[in-house]
Amino acid sequence: MTSALSAVLDPLESAVAKVKRNVLPLFLIMFIANYIDRVNIGFVNTHMKADLGIGAAAYGLGSGLFFIGYALFEVPSNVLMQKFGARAWLTRIMGTWGIVAAAMAFVWNDTSFYVLRFLLGVAEAGFFPGVVFYFTQWLPQKERGKAIAIFLSGSALASVLSGPITGSLLSIRGFGLQGWQWMFLIEGGFSIVLCVVSWLLLKSHIRDAHWLSAEEQRVLSQSIAAEQAEREAQGGAHLPTLKLLKDPQIALFCFLYFAIQLTIYAATFWLPTIIRKMGGLSDFEVGMFNAIPWLISMVAMYGFAVVSAKWRFQQGWLAVALVIAAAGLFASTSGNAVFSFVAICFSAIGFKAASSLFWPIPQGYLDARVAAGVLALINSVGNLGGFFAPATFGYLQQHTGSITGGLYGLGIASLLAAAAGFLTRNKPGNREPARETLRGNAH
């Protein structure tokens, strides 16, 4: 069946299909494990307070320290990936985060909790932009949006799966360990096992992919090289990373992704609070309702990726998604809890789709020689939203008894980001090179 399909497709289409088939499933599973190891402390807050005396303030600080470690080491991690190759470096990232995640089972006080959460951020740093950079080396520009949408759906899928998986692990007892300790050990251990799988299956370069024919390797390499050459000819950003910090476009990219992540992490941490206001729900029912927005967002992400690939105006589609997010956030301030939940579901369509629609824009603007480092910078700044969002909402909840002000703030941030998106530039070199040119080069 596979060989028959390859015979119908031209070499470039066949190569792209094989890359997606061989690489995307592994990255999707890796991202699910990554996301669960990052957010699973949300399920053991009360357990750690009862067993270790880690209170709400310490828990909040420890949660945020993850993003500080992540932000500080994101850029160095991706620069090193360019040096050592994607296979070795992504495997290293997964192995070290698995070890730290498993070690969380043995925290004994506030300080050990802070240290391990910070180290988990350090260990995970570079994974997401590393995968995005990997796509720039393996897929033509027009295919990356759909690939990133599928990859990012891992976070939504992890949000759906984390409740049932973690809930079942929390019931385990034995060998003097509590359920929350077994949860950390098993989920962290899974990531360690997965790093071995990634070492065996990942390839750093197209020429190393044994599942591509020689013709497919050649045409795919030429396609990506032609895009890079055209981008360089158009004057795409190719300055050293530190000098790029002065580029207004890079600052704009950082702001846009920060605004997107601010909304995503606020929803991740506070959606259960909104759901509980509907009243009369058990913890299991809250978990099931919590899965609904993320299921909807998975469909929306891929749908936006398809239409943006067909009608190519990335900034416009990004703005549409952010306006949808803002409308849902404003509507969620309604006093009716059920209507607020429906509004958050609508908002999730926008803010999750925006997270995947965003990345092809800086990819098209950046020269491949600095792409990994700058993509890491953008991601690290954006992920600081994971520090500010829960902290700000917690402050508002404590001092006003409501998160309404925070929801309004997120809505305004999304609208500002929608407008700012039209100021971004992706160079003409990000367009697919003419197929005739590629075929001409092949002869």
Protein backbone atom coordinates (compact mmCIF):
# COMPACT_ATOMS: atom_id res chain seq x y z
CA MET A 1 0.00 0.00 0.00
CA THR A 2 2.80 2.41 0.98
CA SER A 3 4.83 1.64 -2.16
CA ALA A 4 1.75 2.08 -4.36
CA LEU A 5 1.07 5.47 -2.77
CA SER A 6 4.70 6.53 -3.26
CA ALA A 7 4.46 5.64 -6.94
CA VAL A 8 1.53 8.02 -7.38
CA LEU A 9 3.18 10.94 -5.55
CA ASP A 10 6.12 12.86 -6.96
CA PRO A 11 9.40 12.47 -5.00
CA LEU A 12 8.93 15.64 -2.94
CA GLU A 13 5.35 14.82 -1.93
CA SER A 14 6.36 11.25 -1.17
CA ALA A 15 9.28 12.43 0.97
CA VAL A 16 7.10 14.85 2.92
CA ALA A 17 4.53 12.12 3.56
CA LYS A 18 7.25 9.78 4.87
CA VAL A 19 8.73 12.45 7.14
CA LYS A 20 5.32 13.06 8.70
CA ARG A 21 4.69 9.35 9.08
CA ASN A 22 8.07 8.56 10.65
CA VAL A 23 8.75 11.66 12.75
CA LEU A 24 5.46 13.27 13.82
CA PRO A 25 4.07 10.35 15.92
CA LEU A 26 7.27 10.19 17.98
CA PHE A 27 7.35 13.94 18.55
CA LEU A 28 3.67 13.89 19.50
CA ILE A 29 4.24 11.21 22.16
CA MET A 30 7.33 13.03 23.42
CA PHE A 31 5.37 16.27 23.78
CA ILE A 32 2.54 14.54 25.65
CA ALA A 33 5.07 13.12 28.13
CA ASN A 34 6.75 16.53 28.34
CA TYR A 35 3.52 18.35 29.11
CA ILE A 36 2.32 15.84 31.70
CA ASP A 37 5.66 15.97 33.54
CA ARG A 38 5.41 19.77 33.52
CA VAL A 39 1.86 20.16 34.90
CA ASN A 40 1.33 17.02 36.99
CA ILE A 41 2.07 18.90 40.22
CA GLY A 42 -1.37 20.44 39.84
CA PHE A 43 -2.86 17.09 40.85
CA VAL A 44 -0.75 16.61 44.00
CA ASN A 45 -0.93 20.04 45.60
CA THR A 46 -3.10 18.87 48.49
CA HIS A 47 -1.12 15.62 48.90
CA MET A 48 2.22 17.42 49.21
CA LYS A 49 0.70 19.89 51.64
CA ALA A 50 -0.57 17.05 53.84
CA ASP A 51 2.61 14.95 53.69
CA LEU A 52 5.32 17.61 53.49
CA GLY A 53 3.72 20.82 54.70
CA ILE A 54 4.28 22.60 51.35
CA GLY A 55 1.69 25.38 51.48
CA ALA A 56 -0.07 27.32 48.76
CA ALA A 57 2.51 30.12 48.59
CA ALA A 58 5.41 27.67 48.28
CA TYR A 59 3.48 25.65 45.73
CA GLY A 60 2.81 28.73 43.60
CA LEU A 61 6.45 29.84 43.74
CA GLY A 62 7.71 26.38 42.87
CA SER A 63 5.31 26.18 39.93
CA GLY A 64 6.64 29.47 38.58
CA LEU A 65 10.32 28.61 39.10
CA PHE A 66 9.98 26.00 36.37
CA PHE A 67 9.45 28.75 33.80
CA ILE A 68 12.39 30.79 35.09
CA GLY A 69 14.76 27.85 34.59
CA TYR A 70 13.17 27.18 31.21
CA ALA A 71 13.59 30.78 30.04
CA LEU A 72 17.22 31.12 31.21
CA PHE A 73 18.46 27.99 29.45
CA GLU A 74 16.26 27.91 26.35
CA VAL A 75 18.62 29.76 24.00
CA PRO A 76 21.87 28.01 25.08
CA SER A 77 20.12 24.64 24.73
CA ASN A 78 19.12 25.27 21.12
CA VAL A 79 22.52 26.66 20.16
CA LEU A 80 24.02 23.41 21.47
CA MET A 81 21.47 21.42 19.48
CA GLN A 82 22.84 22.96 16.29
CA LYS A 83 26.29 21.81 17.37
CA PHE A 84 25.48 18.26 18.46
CA GLY A 85 22.51 17.50 16.18
CA ALA A 86 18.82 17.02 16.84
CA ARG A 87 19.02 13.31 17.55
CA ALA A 88 21.60 13.55 20.35
CA TRP A 89 20.31 16.79 21.87
CA LEU A 90 16.58 16.08 21.89
CA THR A 91 17.33 12.67 23.39
CA ARG A 92 19.49 14.35 26.07
CA ILE A 93 16.69 16.79 26.87
CA MET A 94 14.15 14.02 27.30
CA GLY A 95 16.46 11.86 29.43
CA THR A 96 17.39 14.64 31.85
CA TRP A 97 13.85 15.92 32.27
CA GLY A 98 12.69 12.32 32.94
CA ILE A 99 15.31 11.93 35.68
CA VAL A 100 14.36 15.22 37.35
CA ALA A 101 10.63 14.51 37.02
CA ALA A 102 11.11 11.13 38.71
CA ALA A 103 13.26 12.73 41.43
CA MET A 104 10.27 14.89 42.38
CA ALA A 105 9.04 11.81 44.24
CA PHE A 106 11.71 12.42 46.88
CA VAL A 107 11.24 16.12 47.71
CA TRP A 108 11.13 16.63 51.47
CA ASN A 109 10.62 20.37 52.02
CA ASP A 110 10.03 23.71 50.32
CA THR A 111 13.65 24.18 49.29
CA SER A 112 14.02 20.78 47.63
CA PHE A 113 10.73 21.44 45.82
CA TYR A 114 12.02 24.80 44.52
CA VAL A 115 15.33 23.31 43.36
CA LEU A 116 13.79 20.40 41.47
CA ARG A 117 11.13 22.53 39.79
CA PHE A 118 13.84 24.95 38.64
CA LEU A 119 15.99 22.04 37.41
CA LEU A 120 13.01 20.56 35.56
CA GLY A 121 12.71 23.83 33.65
CA VAL A 122 16.44 23.75 32.89
CA ALA A 123 16.19 20.14 31.69
CA GLU A 124 13.17 20.77 29.44
CA ALA A 125 14.61 23.97 27.97
CA GLY A 126 15.06 23.70 24.25
CA PHE A 127 12.65 20.86 23.56
CA PHE A 128 9.81 22.75 21.88
CA PRO A 129 11.85 25.18 19.75
CA GLY A 130 14.21 22.30 19.02
CA VAL A 131 11.34 20.36 17.44
CA VAL A 132 10.18 23.47 15.57
CA PHE A 133 13.72 23.96 14.25
CA TYR A 134 13.82 20.27 13.30
CA PHE A 135 10.80 20.86 11.07
CA THR A 136 12.63 23.73 9.31
CA GLN A 137 15.35 21.22 8.37
CA TRP A 138 13.02 18.45 7.23
CA LEU A 139 9.87 20.02 5.78
CA PRO A 140 9.16 22.70 3.13
CA GLN A 141 7.62 25.91 4.44
CA LYS A 142 4.06 25.18 3.29
CA GLU A 143 4.02 21.88 5.23
CA ARG A 144 5.37 23.17 8.52
CA GLY A 145 2.17 24.83 9.71
CA LYS A 146 0.21 21.57 9.58
CA ALA A 147 3.08 19.66 11.20
CA ILE A 148 3.35 22.18 14.03
CA ALA A 149 -0.43 22.08 14.53
CA ILE A 150 -0.32 18.30 14.90
CA PHE A 151 2.67 18.56 17.24
CA LEU A 152 1.05 21.26 19.38
CA SER A 153 -2.10 19.19 19.64
CA GLY A 154 0.03 17.08 22.00
CA SER A 155 -0.47 19.68 24.75
CA ALA A 156 -4.23 19.57 24.24
CA LEU A 157 -4.20 15.77 24.16
CA ALA A 158 -2.02 15.74 27.30
CA SER A 159 -4.57 18.00 29.01
CA VAL A 160 -7.24 15.44 28.18
CA LEU A 161 -5.19 12.41 29.25
CA SER A 162 -3.42 13.78 32.32
CA GLY A 163 -6.46 13.64 34.59
CA PRO A 164 -7.37 9.96 34.14
CA ILE A 165 -3.72 8.82 34.00
CA THR A 166 -2.55 10.78 37.02
CA GLY A 167 -5.71 10.00 38.98
CA SER A 168 -5.17 6.26 38.54
CA LEU A 169 -1.48 6.49 39.51
CA LEU A 170 -2.33 8.40 42.70
CA SER A 171 -4.13 5.30 43.98
CA ILE A 172 -0.93 3.21 43.98
CA ARG A 173 0.64 2.38 47.36
CA GLY A 174 3.60 0.21 48.30
CA PHE A 175 7.26 0.04 49.39
CA GLY A 176 6.66 2.90 51.79
CA LEU A 177 5.78 5.34 49.03
CA GLN A 178 2.62 7.42 48.72
CA GLY A 179 0.50 7.66 45.58
CA TRP A 180 1.91 11.06 44.58
CA GLN A 181 5.45 9.62 44.78
CA TRP A 182 4.53 6.70 42.54
CA MET A 183 2.96 9.16 40.12
CA PHE A 184 6.21 11.13 39.77
CA LEU A 185 8.31 7.95 39.50
CA ILE A 186 6.17 6.30 36.83
CA GLU A 187 5.55 9.38 34.69
CA GLY A 188 9.20 10.45 34.91
CA GLY A 189 10.32 6.88 34.23
CA PHE A 190 8.21 6.78 31.08
CA SER A 191 10.11 9.81 29.75
CA ILE A 192 13.42 8.07 30.47
CA VAL A 193 12.31 5.02 28.49
CA LEU A 194 11.07 7.27 25.69
CA CYS A 195 14.48 8.94 25.39
CA VAL A 196 15.94 5.54 24.45
CA VAL A 197 13.28 5.18 21.76
CA SER A 198 14.05 8.65 20.39
CA TRP A 199 17.76 7.81 20.16
CA LEU A 200 16.95 4.72 18.11
CA LEU A 201 14.42 6.36 15.77
CA LEU A 202 15.42 10.01 15.28
CA LYS A 203 17.83 11.14 12.57
CA SER A 204 19.65 14.46 12.58
CA HIS A 205 19.95 14.86 8.80
CA ILE A 206 17.85 13.98 5.75
CA ARG A 207 20.75 12.00 4.33
CA ASP A 208 20.60 9.66 7.37
CA ALA A 209 16.93 8.73 6.89
CA HIS A 210 17.04 5.14 5.58
CA TRP A 211 13.27 5.25 5.04
CA LEU A 212 13.71 7.86 2.27
CA SER A 213 14.90 6.79 -1.16
CA ALA A 214 17.98 8.48 -2.61
CA GLU A 215 15.75 10.47 -4.97
CA GLU A 216 13.48 11.57 -2.11
CA GLN A 217 16.47 12.62 -0.01
CA ARG A 218 17.88 14.67 -2.88
CA VAL A 219 14.64 16.44 -3.83
CA LEU A 220 13.67 17.18 -0.23
CA SER A 221 17.13 18.57 0.54
CA GLN A 222 17.02 20.71 -2.60
CA SER A 223 13.58 22.08 -1.72
CA ILE A 224 14.65 23.19 1.74
CA ALA A 225 18.00 24.52 0.51
CA ALA A 226 16.25 26.51 -2.23
CA GLU A 227 13.93 28.11 0.31
CA GLN A 228 16.90 29.06 2.49
CA ALA A 229 18.84 30.47 -0.48
CA GLU A 230 15.86 32.56 -1.55
CA ARG A 231 15.39 33.82 2.01
CA GLU A 232 19.06 34.85 2.15
CA ALA A 233 18.75 36.58 -1.22
CA GLN A 234 15.79 38.57 0.08
CA GLY A 235 17.84 39.74 3.06
CA GLY A 236 16.29 37.56 5.74
CA ALA A 237 17.57 38.16 9.24
CA HIS A 238 21.04 36.61 9.50
CA LEU A 239 22.82 38.68 12.14
CA PRO A 240 24.31 37.13 15.27
CA THR A 241 21.64 36.25 17.82
CA LEU A 242 22.61 39.03 20.27
CA LYS A 243 22.31 41.69 17.56
CA LEU A 244 18.96 40.28 16.54
CA LEU A 245 17.67 41.34 19.95
CA LYS A 246 17.71 44.90 18.57
CA ASP A 247 15.54 43.88 15.62
CA PRO A 248 11.99 45.22 16.19
CA GLN A 249 10.60 42.15 14.44
CA ILE A 250 12.17 39.82 17.02
CA ALA A 251 10.77 41.95 19.85
CA LEU A 252 7.36 41.81 18.17
CA PHE A 253 7.55 38.03 17.85
CA CYS A 254 8.40 37.79 21.58
CA PHE A 255 5.42 39.97 22.53
CA LEU A 256 3.02 38.01 20.34
CA TYR A 257 4.01 34.64 21.75
CA PHE A 258 4.00 35.97 25.32
CA ALA A 259 0.41 37.18 24.85
CA ILE A 260 -0.61 33.79 23.44
CA GLN A 261 1.05 31.79 26.22
CA LEU A 262 -0.32 34.12 28.88
CA THR A 263 -3.84 33.10 27.88
CA ILE A 264 -3.05 29.40 27.48
CA TYR A 265 -1.48 29.02 30.92
CA ALA A 266 -4.16 31.13 32.61
CA ALA A 267 -6.78 28.76 31.17
CA THR A 268 -4.72 25.70 32.10
CA PHE A 269 -4.47 26.68 35.77
CA TRP A 270 -7.86 28.39 36.31
CA LEU A 271 -10.34 26.51 34.13
CA PRO A 272 -11.13 24.01 36.95
CA THR A 273 -12.07 26.99 39.18
CA ILE A 274 -14.56 28.20 36.57
CA ILE A 275 -15.96 24.68 36.15
CA ARG A 276 -16.44 24.18 39.90
CA LYS A 277 -18.64 27.29 40.00
CA MET A 278 -21.25 25.33 38.03
CA GLY A 279 -21.81 23.49 41.29
CA GLY A 280 -22.48 19.93 42.36
CA LEU A 281 -19.62 18.35 40.40
CA SER A 282 -17.27 15.67 41.70
CA ASP A 283 -13.53 15.81 41.06
CA PHE A 284 -13.94 13.26 38.26
CA GLU A 285 -16.70 15.31 36.64
CA VAL A 286 -14.59 18.45 36.87
CA GLY A 287 -11.81 16.57 35.11
CA MET A 288 -14.14 15.43 32.36
CA PHE A 289 -15.49 18.95 31.79
CA ASN A 290 -11.90 20.24 31.84
CA ALA A 291 -11.11 18.02 28.85
CA ILE A 292 -13.82 19.51 26.61
CA PRO A 293 -12.11 22.82 25.61
CA TRP A 294 -8.89 21.01 24.79
CA LEU A 295 -10.68 18.44 22.63
CA ILE A 296 -12.36 21.26 20.71
CA SER A 297 -9.06 23.11 20.35
CA MET A 298 -7.35 20.08 18.81
CA VAL A 299 -9.81 20.12 15.92
CA ALA A 300 -9.59 23.89 15.58
CA MET A 301 -5.78 23.91 15.45
CA TYR A 302 -5.64 21.52 12.53
CA GLY A 303 -8.55 23.24 10.77
CA PHE A 304 -6.81 26.62 10.94
CA ALA A 305 -3.58 25.04 9.71
CA VAL A 306 -5.36 23.61 6.66
CA VAL A 307 -7.09 26.85 5.67
CA SER A 308 -3.96 28.94 6.29
CA ALA A 309 -2.00 26.61 4.01
CA LYS A 310 -4.65 26.95 1.27
CA TRP A 311 -5.25 30.71 1.58
CA ARG A 312 -1.83 31.91 2.61
CA PHE A 313 -1.99 35.03 4.77
CA GLN A 314 -0.54 33.84 8.07
CA GLN A 315 -0.84 37.18 9.87
CA GLY A 316 -4.52 37.43 8.95
CA TRP A 317 -5.37 33.96 10.21
CA LEU A 318 -3.41 34.62 13.40
CA ALA A 319 -5.45 37.80 13.96
CA VAL A 320 -8.73 35.91 13.41
CA ALA A 321 -7.72 33.30 15.99
CA LEU A 322 -6.72 35.95 18.56
CA VAL A 323 -9.98 37.87 18.07
CA ILE A 324 -11.91 34.64 18.69
CA ALA A 325 -9.86 34.13 21.86
CA ALA A 326 -10.58 37.69 23.03
CA ALA A 327 -14.32 37.39 22.34
CA GLY A 328 -14.52 34.19 24.37
CA LEU A 329 -12.54 35.68 27.25
CA PHE A 330 -14.75 38.77 27.43
CA ALA A 331 -17.89 36.60 27.30
CA SER A 332 -16.54 34.36 30.09
CA THR A 333 -16.85 37.26 32.57
CA SER A 334 -20.60 36.64 32.58
CA GLY A 335 -22.01 35.89 36.01
CA ASN A 336 -23.51 32.64 34.69
CA ALA A 337 -21.04 29.80 35.36
CA VAL A 338 -22.35 27.55 32.57
CA PHE A 339 -22.19 30.35 30.00
CA SER A 340 -18.68 31.24 31.21
CA PHE A 341 -17.56 27.66 30.62
CA VAL A 342 -19.04 27.65 27.10
CA ALA A 343 -17.28 30.95 26.43
CA ILE A 344 -13.93 29.50 27.53
CA CYS A 345 -14.50 26.57 25.14
CA PHE A 346 -15.01 29.12 22.35
CA SER A 347 -11.93 31.06 23.45
CA ALA A 348 -9.83 27.87 23.38
CA ILE A 349 -10.52 27.60 19.65
CA GLY A 350 -8.66 30.88 19.24
CA PHE A 351 -5.78 30.80 21.67
CA LYS A 352 -4.68 27.24 20.89
CA ALA A 353 -4.97 27.79 17.12
CA ALA A 354 -2.96 31.01 17.51
CA SER A 355 -0.10 29.10 19.13
CA SER A 356 0.39 27.00 15.98
CA LEU A 357 -0.41 29.75 13.46
CA PHE A 358 2.27 31.94 15.01
CA TRP A 359 5.41 29.85 14.40
CA PRO A 360 5.57 29.84 10.57
CA ILE A 361 5.88 33.66 10.67
CA PRO A 362 9.25 33.89 12.50
CA GLN A 363 10.39 30.74 10.68
CA GLY A 364 9.94 32.52 7.37
CA TYR A 365 11.70 35.66 8.58
CA LEU A 366 14.79 34.05 10.12
CA ASP A 367 17.90 32.79 8.42
CA ALA A 368 18.43 29.09 9.17
CA ARG A 369 21.87 29.86 10.61
CA VAL A 370 20.35 31.63 13.62
CA ALA A 371 16.85 30.16 13.59
CA ALA A 372 17.36 27.70 16.46
CA GLY A 373 18.70 30.31 18.87
CA VAL A 374 16.11 32.97 18.03
CA LEU A 375 13.19 30.54 18.07
CA ALA A 376 14.42 29.47 21.50
CA LEU A 377 14.53 33.11 22.61
CA ILE A 378 10.96 33.69 21.42
CA ASN A 379 9.74 30.54 23.14
CA SER A 380 11.52 31.33 26.40
CA VAL A 381 10.06 34.84 26.58
CA GLY A 382 6.63 33.51 25.65
CA ASN A 383 6.72 30.81 28.29
CA LEU A 384 7.22 33.45 30.97
CA GLY A 385 3.48 33.81 30.54
CA GLY A 386 3.37 30.56 32.52
CA PHE A 387 4.92 32.44 35.43
CA PHE A 388 2.92 35.66 35.24
CA ALA A 389 -0.53 34.24 34.43
CA PRO A 390 -1.06 31.99 37.49
CA ALA A 391 0.68 34.47 39.79
CA THR A 392 -1.49 37.39 38.63
CA PHE A 393 -4.71 35.39 38.75
CA GLY A 394 -3.81 34.11 42.22
CA TYR A 395 -3.21 37.65 43.43
CA LEU A 396 -6.54 38.81 42.02
CA GLN A 397 -8.38 35.85 43.49
CA GLN A 398 -6.87 36.47 46.93
CA HIS A 399 -7.43 40.24 47.01
CA THR A 400 -10.68 40.64 45.08
CA GLY A 401 -12.30 37.22 45.36
CA SER A 402 -12.71 37.13 41.58
CA ILE A 403 -10.64 36.50 38.45
CA THR A 404 -12.88 38.70 36.28
CA GLY A 405 -10.25 41.44 36.06
CA GLY A 406 -7.71 38.90 34.86
CA LEU A 407 -10.05 37.65 32.14
CA TYR A 408 -10.59 41.20 30.89
CA GLY A 409 -6.83 41.73 30.88
CA LEU A 410 -6.28 38.58 28.85
CA GLY A 411 -8.95 39.65 26.35
CA ILE A 412 -7.29 43.03 25.87
CA ALA A 413 -3.87 41.37 25.48
CA SER A 414 -5.29 39.09 22.77
CA LEU A 415 -6.74 42.05 20.86
CA LEU A 416 -3.44 43.95 21.07
CA ALA A 417 -1.63 40.85 19.81
CA ALA A 418 -4.10 40.50 16.92
CA ALA A 419 -3.33 44.07 15.84
CA ALA A 420 0.42 43.66 16.37
CA GLY A 421 0.44 40.53 14.22
CA PHE A 422 -0.14 42.63 11.10
CA LEU A 423 3.16 44.43 11.78
CA THR A 424 5.17 41.22 11.52
CA ARG A 425 7.05 40.31 8.36
CA ASN A 426 7.80 36.95 6.84
CA LYS A 427 10.18 37.41 3.94
CA PRO A 428 9.20 36.49 0.37
CA GLY A 429 11.67 33.65 0.66
CA ASN A 430 9.24 31.72 2.85
CA ARG A 431 7.12 30.86 -0.18
CA GLU A 432 7.34 27.50 -1.77
CA PRO A 433 9.93 27.54 -4.57
CA ALA A 434 8.47 26.92 -7.98
CA ARG A 435 8.22 23.23 -8.67
CA GLU A 436 9.64 23.81 -12.13
CA THR A 437 12.77 25.35 -10.61
CA LEU A 438 13.26 22.32 -8.40
CA ARG A 439 12.82 19.96 -11.29
CA GLY A 440 15.21 22.02 -13.35
CA ASN A 441 17.82 21.78 -10.61
CA ALA A 442 17.31 18.03 -10.47
CA HIS A 443 18.46 17.59 -14.06
